[in-house]
């Protein structure tokens, strides 16, 4: 493929932008999956290299599956003490 000199810089810039976006999407997907499957947020923060937990909390979206699992785990720990 022949690329003219005028198009060489924009073409390489698009490649770098696409690489950055793919890398960010992978990090985001990893963080969401790890948190969804029960990895502590402190561990995810360490793996991603964040210095503050607040940065990792951006990825901590509460999904219905996670909410159901957390409520079930809470009910098992508490037991039938609070049944009405």
PDB file of N, CA and C in Angstrom:
ATOM      1  N   UNK A   1       0.847  -1.172   0.000  1.00  0.00           N
ATOM      2  CA  UNK A   1       0.000   0.000   0.000  1.00  0.00           C
ATOM      3  C   UNK A   1       0.898   1.244   0.000  1.00  0.00           C
ATOM      4  N   UNK A   2       0.632   2.128  -0.877  1.00  0.00           N
ATOM      5  CA  UNK A   2       1.420   3.349  -1.002  1.00  0.00           C
ATOM      6  C   UNK A   2       0.757   4.463  -0.205  1.00  0.00           C
ATOM      7  N   UNK A   3       1.515   5.044   0.736  1.00  0.00           N
ATOM      8  CA  UNK A   3       0.997   6.143   1.540  1.00  0.00           C
ATOM      9  C   UNK A   3       1.838   7.376   1.230  1.00  0.00           C
ATOM     10  N   UNK A   4       1.185   8.431   0.823  1.00  0.00           N
ATOM     11  CA  UNK A   4       1.882   9.664   0.508  1.00  0.00           C
ATOM     12  C   UNK A   4       2.393  10.314   1.792  1.00  0.00           C
ATOM     13  N   UNK A   5       3.402  11.137   1.687  1.00  0.00           N
ATOM     14  CA  UNK A   5       4.006  11.792   2.845  1.00  0.00           C
ATOM     15  C   UNK A   5       3.005  12.618   3.635  1.00  0.00           C
ATOM     16  N   UNK A   6       2.055  13.250   2.939  1.00  0.00           N
ATOM     17  CA  UNK A   6       1.070  14.077   3.633  1.00  0.00           C
ATOM     18  C   UNK A   6       0.132  13.228   4.500  1.00  0.00           C
ATOM     19  N   UNK A   7      -0.058  11.980   4.141  1.00  0.00           N
ATOM     20  CA  UNK A   7      -0.976  11.113   4.877  1.00  0.00           C
ATOM     21  C   UNK A   7      -0.269  10.220   5.891  1.00  0.00           C
ATOM     22  N   UNK A   8       1.041  10.208   5.896  1.00  0.00           N
ATOM     23  CA  UNK A   8       1.786   9.293   6.760  1.00  0.00           C
ATOM     24  C   UNK A   8       1.541   9.593   8.242  1.00  0.00           C
ATOM     25  N   UNK A   9       1.606  10.856   8.660  1.00  0.00           N
ATOM     26  CA  UNK A   9       1.417  11.208  10.069  1.00  0.00           C
ATOM     27  C   UNK A   9      -0.009  10.932  10.546  1.00  0.00           C
ATOM     28  N   UNK A  10      -1.049  11.388   9.814  1.00  0.00           N
ATOM     29  CA  UNK A  10      -2.410  11.064  10.288  1.00  0.00           C
ATOM     30  C   UNK A  10      -2.675   9.561  10.352  1.00  0.00           C
ATOM     31  N   UNK A  11      -2.112   8.811   9.414  1.00  0.00           N
ATOM     32  CA  UNK A  11      -2.331   7.373   9.413  1.00  0.00           C
ATOM     33  C   UNK A  11      -1.688   6.729  10.642  1.00  0.00           C
ATOM     34  N   UNK A  12      -0.460   7.132  10.964  1.00  0.00           N
ATOM     35  CA  UNK A  12       0.204   6.565  12.137  1.00  0.00           C
ATOM     36  C   UNK A  12      -0.461   7.049  13.417  1.00  0.00           C
ATOM     37  N   UNK A  13      -0.987   8.260  13.434  1.00  0.00           N
ATOM     38  CA  UNK A  13      -1.689   8.775  14.611  1.00  0.00           C
ATOM     39  C   UNK A  13      -2.961   7.980  14.874  1.00  0.00           C
ATOM     40  N   UNK A  14      -3.676   7.624  13.811  1.00  0.00           N
ATOM     41  CA  UNK A  14      -4.885   6.818  13.983  1.00  0.00           C
ATOM     42  C   UNK A  14      -4.545   5.448  14.555  1.00  0.00           C
ATOM     43  N   UNK A  15      -3.439   4.891  14.122  1.00  0.00           N
ATOM     44  CA  UNK A  15      -3.004   3.594  14.630  1.00  0.00           C
ATOM     45  C   UNK A  15      -2.707   3.685  16.125  1.00  0.00           C
ATOM     46  N   UNK A  16      -2.022   4.725  16.553  1.00  0.00           N
ATOM     47  CA  UNK A  16      -1.720   4.906  17.973  1.00  0.00           C
ATOM     48  C   UNK A  16      -2.987   5.134  18.782  1.00  0.00           C
ATOM     49  N   UNK A  17      -3.921   5.880  18.238  1.00  0.00           N
ATOM     50  CA  UNK A  17      -5.186   6.126  18.920  1.00  0.00           C
ATOM     51  C   UNK A  17      -5.972   4.830  19.082  1.00  0.00           C
ATOM     52  N   UNK A  18      -6.016   4.027  18.039  1.00  0.00           N
ATOM     53  CA  UNK A  18      -6.727   2.751  18.110  1.00  0.00           C
ATOM     54  C   UNK A  18      -6.075   1.822  19.128  1.00  0.00           C
ATOM     55  N   UNK A  19      -4.749   1.821  19.193  1.00  0.00           N
ATOM     56  CA  UNK A  19      -4.039   0.996  20.167  1.00  0.00           C
ATOM     57  C   UNK A  19      -4.388   1.428  21.584  1.00  0.00           C
ATOM     58  N   UNK A  20      -4.396   2.725  21.833  1.00  0.00           N
ATOM     59  CA  UNK A  20      -4.741   3.254  23.151  1.00  0.00           C
ATOM     60  C   UNK A  20      -6.172   2.882  23.532  1.00  0.00           C
ATOM     61  N   UNK A  21      -7.097   3.006  22.607  1.00  0.00           N
ATOM     62  CA  UNK A  21      -8.499   2.695  22.888  1.00  0.00           C
ATOM     63  C   UNK A  21      -8.662   1.209  23.199  1.00  0.00           C
ATOM     64  N   UNK A  22      -8.011   0.339  22.429  1.00  0.00           N
ATOM     65  CA  UNK A  22      -8.095  -1.095  22.692  1.00  0.00           C
ATOM     66  C   UNK A  22      -7.511  -1.450  24.060  1.00  0.00           C
ATOM     67  N   UNK A  23      -6.385  -0.840  24.406  1.00  0.00           N
ATOM     68  CA  UNK A  23      -5.758  -1.083  25.700  1.00  0.00           C
ATOM     69  C   UNK A  23      -6.683  -0.640  26.828  1.00  0.00           C
ATOM     70  N   UNK A  24      -7.297   0.530  26.693  1.00  0.00           N
ATOM     71  CA  UNK A  24      -8.219   1.035  27.709  1.00  0.00           C
ATOM     72  C   UNK A  24      -9.445   0.118  27.836  1.00  0.00           C
ATOM     73  N   UNK A  25      -9.976  -0.334  26.719  1.00  0.00           N
ATOM     74  CA  UNK A  25     -11.137  -1.237  26.753  1.00  0.00           C
ATOM     75  C   UNK A  25     -10.797  -2.552  27.446  1.00  0.00           C
ATOM     76  N   UNK A  26      -9.598  -3.068  27.206  1.00  0.00           N
ATOM     77  CA  UNK A  26      -9.181  -4.297  27.873  1.00  0.00           C
ATOM     78  C   UNK A  26      -9.082  -4.085  29.379  1.00  0.00           C
ATOM     79  N   UNK A  27      -8.463  -2.990  29.813  1.00  0.00           N
ATOM     80  CA  UNK A  27      -8.339  -2.706  31.250  1.00  0.00           C
ATOM     81  C   UNK A  27      -9.710  -2.556  31.887  1.00  0.00           C
ATOM     82  N   UNK A  28     -10.594  -1.835  31.210  1.00  0.00           N
ATOM     83  CA  UNK A  28     -11.944  -1.624  31.735  1.00  0.00           C
ATOM     84  C   UNK A  28     -12.695  -2.952  31.844  1.00  0.00           C
ATOM     85  N   UNK A  29     -12.615  -3.773  30.799  1.00  0.00           N
ATOM     86  CA  UNK A  29     -13.301  -5.067  30.806  1.00  0.00           C
ATOM     87  C   UNK A  29     -12.753  -5.970  31.909  1.00  0.00           C
ATOM     88  N   UNK A  30     -11.432  -5.992  32.070  1.00  0.00           N
ATOM     89  CA  UNK A  30     -10.832  -6.798  33.131  1.00  0.00           C
ATOM     90  C   UNK A  30     -11.327  -6.344  34.498  1.00  0.00           C
ATOM     91  N   UNK A  31     -11.329  -5.043  34.731  1.00  0.00           N
ATOM     92  CA  UNK A  31     -11.740  -4.524  36.034  1.00  0.00           C
ATOM     93  C   UNK A  31     -13.193  -4.866  36.334  1.00  0.00           C
ATOM     94  N   UNK A  32     -14.064  -4.684  35.364  1.00  0.00           N
ATOM     95  CA  UNK A  32     -15.485  -4.970  35.576  1.00  0.00           C
ATOM     96  C   UNK A  32     -15.702  -6.464  35.837  1.00  0.00           C
ATOM     97  N   UNK A  33     -15.047  -7.326  35.047  1.00  0.00           N
ATOM     98  CA  UNK A  33     -15.198  -8.768  35.250  1.00  0.00           C
ATOM     99  C   UNK A  33     -14.627  -9.208  36.585  1.00  0.00           C
ATOM    100  N   UNK A  34     -13.451  -8.710  36.938  1.00  0.00           N
ATOM    101  CA  UNK A  34     -12.831  -9.096  38.206  1.00  0.00           C
ATOM    102  C   UNK A  34     -13.701  -8.691  39.385  1.00  0.00           C
ATOM    103  N   UNK A  35     -14.235  -7.494  39.350  1.00  0.00           N
ATOM    104  CA  UNK A  35     -15.107  -7.046  40.445  1.00  0.00           C
ATOM    105  C   UNK A  35     -16.413  -7.818  40.459  1.00  0.00           C
ATOM    106  N   UNK A  36     -16.921  -8.136  39.280  1.00  0.00           N
ATOM    107  CA  UNK A  36     -18.178  -8.878  39.179  1.00  0.00           C
ATOM    108  C   UNK A  36     -18.046 -10.294  39.726  1.00  0.00           C
ATOM    109  N   UNK A  37     -16.864 -10.904  39.589  1.00  0.00           N
ATOM    110  CA  UNK A  37     -16.656 -12.262  40.056  1.00  0.00           C
ATOM    111  C   UNK A  37     -16.069 -12.312  41.458  1.00  0.00           C
ATOM    112  N   UNK A  38     -16.092 -11.191  42.166  1.00  0.00           N
ATOM    113  CA  UNK A  38     -15.790 -11.213  43.577  1.00  0.00           C
ATOM    114  C   UNK A  38     -14.378 -10.840  43.983  1.00  0.00           C
ATOM    115  N   UNK A  39     -13.558 -10.393  43.073  1.00  0.00           N
ATOM    116  CA  UNK A  39     -12.217  -9.958  43.466  1.00  0.00           C
ATOM    117  C   UNK A  39     -12.345  -8.660  44.257  1.00  0.00           C
ATOM    118  N   UNK A  40     -11.677  -8.557  45.394  1.00  0.00           N
ATOM    119  CA  UNK A  40     -11.776  -7.326  46.187  1.00  0.00           C
ATOM    120  C   UNK A  40     -11.267  -6.113  45.411  1.00  0.00           C
ATOM    121  N   UNK A  41     -11.898  -4.982  45.663  1.00  0.00           N
ATOM    122  CA  UNK A  41     -11.561  -3.776  44.919  1.00  0.00           C
ATOM    123  C   UNK A  41     -10.117  -3.349  45.191  1.00  0.00           C
ATOM    124  N   UNK A  42      -9.601  -3.674  46.372  1.00  0.00           N
ATOM    125  CA  UNK A  42      -8.206  -3.341  46.682  1.00  0.00           C
ATOM    126  C   UNK A  42      -7.253  -4.106  45.774  1.00  0.00           C
ATOM    127  N   UNK A  43      -7.565  -5.373  45.504  1.00  0.00           N
ATOM    128  CA  UNK A  43      -6.721  -6.192  44.631  1.00  0.00           C
ATOM    129  C   UNK A  43      -6.780  -5.699  43.190  1.00  0.00           C
ATOM    130  N   UNK A  44      -7.971  -5.371  42.731  1.00  0.00           N
ATOM    131  CA  UNK A  44      -8.127  -4.859  41.361  1.00  0.00           C
ATOM    132  C   UNK A  44      -7.354  -3.548  41.213  1.00  0.00           C
ATOM    133  N   UNK A  45      -7.426  -2.711  42.224  1.00  0.00           N
ATOM    134  CA  UNK A  45      -6.707  -1.442  42.200  1.00  0.00           C
ATOM    135  C   UNK A  45      -5.200  -1.667  42.090  1.00  0.00           C
ATOM    136  N   UNK A  46      -4.697  -2.653  42.828  1.00  0.00           N
ATOM    137  CA  UNK A  46      -3.265  -2.960  42.791  1.00  0.00           C
ATOM    138  C   UNK A  46      -2.855  -3.509  41.424  1.00  0.00           C
ATOM    139  N   UNK A  47      -3.679  -4.399  40.853  1.00  0.00           N
ATOM    140  CA  UNK A  47      -3.372  -4.980  39.542  1.00  0.00           C
ATOM    141  C   UNK A  47      -3.350  -3.899  38.459  1.00  0.00           C
ATOM    142  N   UNK A  48      -4.280  -2.973  38.525  1.00  0.00           N
ATOM    143  CA  UNK A  48      -4.353  -1.912  37.520  1.00  0.00           C
ATOM    144  C   UNK A  48      -3.317  -0.819  37.752  1.00  0.00           C
ATOM    145  N   UNK A  49      -2.685  -0.818  38.926  1.00  0.00           N
ATOM    146  CA  UNK A  49      -1.662   0.166  39.215  1.00  0.00           C
ATOM    147  C   UNK A  49      -2.203   1.498  39.680  1.00  0.00           C
ATOM    148  N   UNK A  50      -3.418   1.516  40.180  1.00  0.00           N
ATOM    149  CA  UNK A  50      -3.991   2.759  40.680  1.00  0.00           C
ATOM    150  C   UNK A  50      -3.433   3.055  42.070  1.00  0.00           C
ATOM    151  N   UNK A  51      -3.179   4.308  42.353  1.00  0.00           N
ATOM    152  CA  UNK A  51      -2.698   4.688  43.676  1.00  0.00           C
ATOM    153  C   UNK A  51      -3.844   4.989  44.630  1.00  0.00           C
ATOM    154  N   UNK A  52      -5.003   5.286  44.088  1.00  0.00           N
ATOM    155  CA  UNK A  52      -6.172   5.600  44.917  1.00  0.00           C
ATOM    156  C   UNK A  52      -7.307   4.640  44.577  1.00  0.00           C
ATOM    157  N   UNK A  53      -8.011   4.201  45.606  1.00  0.00           N
ATOM    158  CA  UNK A  53      -9.169   3.317  45.405  1.00  0.00           C
ATOM    159  C   UNK A  53     -10.262   4.055  44.623  1.00  0.00           C
ATOM    160  N   UNK A  54     -10.342   5.361  44.797  1.00  0.00           N
ATOM    161  CA  UNK A  54     -11.375   6.148  44.104  1.00  0.00           C
ATOM    162  C   UNK A  54     -11.258   6.009  42.587  1.00  0.00           C
ATOM    163  N   UNK A  55     -10.043   5.848  42.088  1.00  0.00           N
ATOM    164  CA  UNK A  55      -9.859   5.664  40.649  1.00  0.00           C
ATOM    165  C   UNK A  55     -10.449   4.336  40.208  1.00  0.00           C
ATOM    166  N   UNK A  56     -10.285   3.303  41.016  1.00  0.00           N
ATOM    167  CA  UNK A  56     -10.804   1.980  40.678  1.00  0.00           C
ATOM    168  C   UNK A  56     -12.323   1.928  40.830  1.00  0.00           C
ATOM    169  N   UNK A  57     -12.871   2.743  41.717  1.00  0.00           N
ATOM    170  CA  UNK A  57     -14.319   2.737  41.941  1.00  0.00           C
ATOM    171  C   UNK A  57     -15.097   3.157  40.701  1.00  0.00           C
ATOM    172  N   UNK A  58     -14.438   3.791  39.751  1.00  0.00           N
ATOM    173  CA  UNK A  58     -15.096   4.148  38.487  1.00  0.00           C
ATOM    174  C   UNK A  58     -15.573   2.880  37.784  1.00  0.00           C
ATOM    175  N   UNK A  59     -14.784   1.796  37.901  1.00  0.00           N
ATOM    176  CA  UNK A  59     -15.110   0.544  37.234  1.00  0.00           C
ATOM    177  C   UNK A  59     -16.119  -0.294  38.009  1.00  0.00           C
ATOM    178  N   UNK A  60     -16.373   0.055  39.249  1.00  0.00           N
ATOM    179  CA  UNK A  60     -17.197  -0.770  40.126  1.00  0.00           C
ATOM    180  C   UNK A  60     -18.680  -0.484  39.895  1.00  0.00           C
ATOM    181  N   UNK A  61     -19.170  -0.961  38.797  1.00  0.00           N
ATOM    182  CA  UNK A  61     -20.591  -0.822  38.499  1.00  0.00           C
ATOM    183  C   UNK A  61     -21.338  -1.988  39.130  1.00  0.00           C
ATOM    184  N   UNK A  62     -22.448  -1.706  39.760  1.00  0.00           N
ATOM    185  CA  UNK A  62     -23.232  -2.755  40.387  1.00  0.00           C
ATOM    186  C   UNK A  62     -24.186  -3.323  39.345  1.00  0.00           C
ATOM    187  N   UNK A  63     -23.992  -4.591  39.005  1.00  0.00           N
ATOM    188  CA  UNK A  63     -24.882  -5.251  38.051  1.00  0.00           C
ATOM    189  C   UNK A  63     -25.908  -6.069  38.817  1.00  0.00           C
ATOM    190  N   UNK A  64     -26.967  -6.451  38.147  1.00  0.00           N
ATOM    191  CA  UNK A  64     -28.016  -7.240  38.801  1.00  0.00           C
ATOM    192  C   UNK A  64     -27.481  -8.588  39.282  1.00  0.00           C
ATOM    193  N   UNK A  65     -26.608  -9.208  38.517  1.00  0.00           N
ATOM    194  CA  UNK A  65     -26.035 -10.497  38.908  1.00  0.00           C
ATOM    195  C   UNK A  65     -25.222 -10.352  40.189  1.00  0.00           C
ATOM    196  N   UNK A  66     -24.391  -9.335  40.238  1.00  0.00           N
ATOM    197  CA  UNK A  66     -23.571  -9.102  41.434  1.00  0.00           C
ATOM    198  C   UNK A  66     -24.455  -8.788  42.624  1.00  0.00           C
ATOM    199  N   UNK A  67     -25.470  -7.992  42.419  1.00  0.00           N
ATOM    200  CA  UNK A  67     -26.384  -7.642  43.497  1.00  0.00           C
ATOM    201  C   UNK A  67     -27.089  -8.883  44.029  1.00  0.00           C
ATOM    202  N   UNK A  68     -27.564  -9.757  43.143  1.00  0.00           N
ATOM    203  CA  UNK A  68     -28.209 -10.999  43.573  1.00  0.00           C
ATOM    204  C   UNK A  68     -27.248 -11.886  44.356  1.00  0.00           C
ATOM    205  N   UNK A  69     -26.010 -12.002  43.884  1.00  0.00           N
ATOM    206  CA  UNK A  69     -25.012 -12.817  44.586  1.00  0.00           C
ATOM    207  C   UNK A  69     -24.694 -12.243  45.957  1.00  0.00           C
ATOM    208  N   UNK A  70     -24.569 -10.935  46.049  1.00  0.00           N
ATOM    209  CA  UNK A  70     -24.256 -10.300  47.331  1.00  0.00           C
ATOM    210  C   UNK A  70     -25.402 -10.450  48.325  1.00  0.00           C
ATOM    211  N   UNK A  71     -26.621 -10.314  47.846  1.00  0.00           N
ATOM    212  CA  UNK A  71     -27.777 -10.469  48.733  1.00  0.00           C
ATOM    213  C   UNK A  71     -27.891 -11.918  49.208  1.00  0.00           C
ATOM    214  N   UNK A  72     -27.642 -12.867  48.312  1.00  0.00           N
ATOM    215  CA  UNK A  72     -27.679 -14.283  48.706  1.00  0.00           C
ATOM    216  C   UNK A  72     -26.606 -14.595  49.744  1.00  0.00           C
ATOM    217  N   UNK A  73     -25.406 -14.067  49.542  1.00  0.00           N
ATOM    218  CA  UNK A  73     -24.322 -14.283  50.502  1.00  0.00           C
ATOM    219  C   UNK A  73     -24.660 -13.654  51.848  1.00  0.00           C
ATOM    220  N   UNK A  74     -25.268 -12.488  51.822  1.00  0.00           N
ATOM    221  CA  UNK A  74     -25.673 -11.826  53.066  1.00  0.00           C
ATOM    222  C   UNK A  74     -26.733 -12.642  53.800  1.00  0.00           C
ATOM    223  N   UNK A  75     -27.704 -13.155  53.050  1.00  0.00           N
ATOM    224  CA  UNK A  75     -28.757 -13.963  53.670  1.00  0.00           C
ATOM    225  C   UNK A  75     -28.191 -15.234  54.296  1.00  0.00           C
ATOM    226  N   UNK A  76     -27.202 -15.851  53.647  1.00  0.00           N
ATOM    227  CA  UNK A  76     -26.583 -17.053  54.206  1.00  0.00           C
ATOM    228  C   UNK A  76     -25.841 -16.738  55.497  1.00  0.00           C
ATOM    229  N   UNK A  77     -25.170 -15.593  55.540  1.00  0.00           N
ATOM    230  CA  UNK A  77     -24.414 -15.227  56.739  1.00  0.00           C
ATOM    231  C   UNK A  77     -25.342 -14.847  57.893  1.00  0.00           C
ATOM    232  N   UNK A  78     -26.385 -14.108  57.584  1.00  0.00           N
ATOM    233  CA  UNK A  78     -27.299 -13.640  58.626  1.00  0.00           C
ATOM    234  C   UNK A  78     -28.258 -14.762  59.039  1.00  0.00           C
ATOM    235  N   UNK A  79     -28.634 -15.570  58.089  1.00  0.00           N
ATOM    236  CA  UNK A  79     -29.559 -16.662  58.379  1.00  0.00           C
ATOM    237  C   UNK A  79     -30.988 -16.177  58.411  1.00  0.00           C
ATOM    238  N   UNK A  80     -31.793 -16.885  59.164  1.00  0.00           N
ATOM    239  CA  UNK A  80     -33.228 -16.575  59.238  1.00  0.00           C
ATOM    240  C   UNK A  80     -33.552 -15.691  60.445  1.00  0.00           C
ATOM    241  N   UNK A  81     -32.590 -14.959  60.941  1.00  0.00           N
ATOM    242  CA  UNK A  81     -32.790 -14.129  62.146  1.00  0.00           C
ATOM    243  C   UNK A  81     -33.772 -13.006  61.938  1.00  0.00           C
ATOM    244  N   UNK A  82     -33.798 -12.453  60.729  1.00  0.00           N
ATOM    245  CA  UNK A  82     -34.600 -11.269  60.492  1.00  0.00           C
ATOM    246  C   UNK A  82     -35.815 -11.531  59.612  1.00  0.00           C
ATOM    247  N   UNK A  83     -36.337 -12.745  59.629  1.00  0.00           N
ATOM    248  CA  UNK A  83     -37.517 -13.020  58.819  1.00  0.00           C
ATOM    249  C   UNK A  83     -38.745 -12.417  59.487  1.00  0.00           C
ATOM    250  N   UNK A  84     -39.642 -11.971  58.656  1.00  0.00           N
ATOM    251  CA  UNK A  84     -40.858 -11.314  59.153  1.00  0.00           C
ATOM    252  C   UNK A  84     -41.994 -12.285  59.147  1.00  0.00           C
TER     253      UNK A  84
END
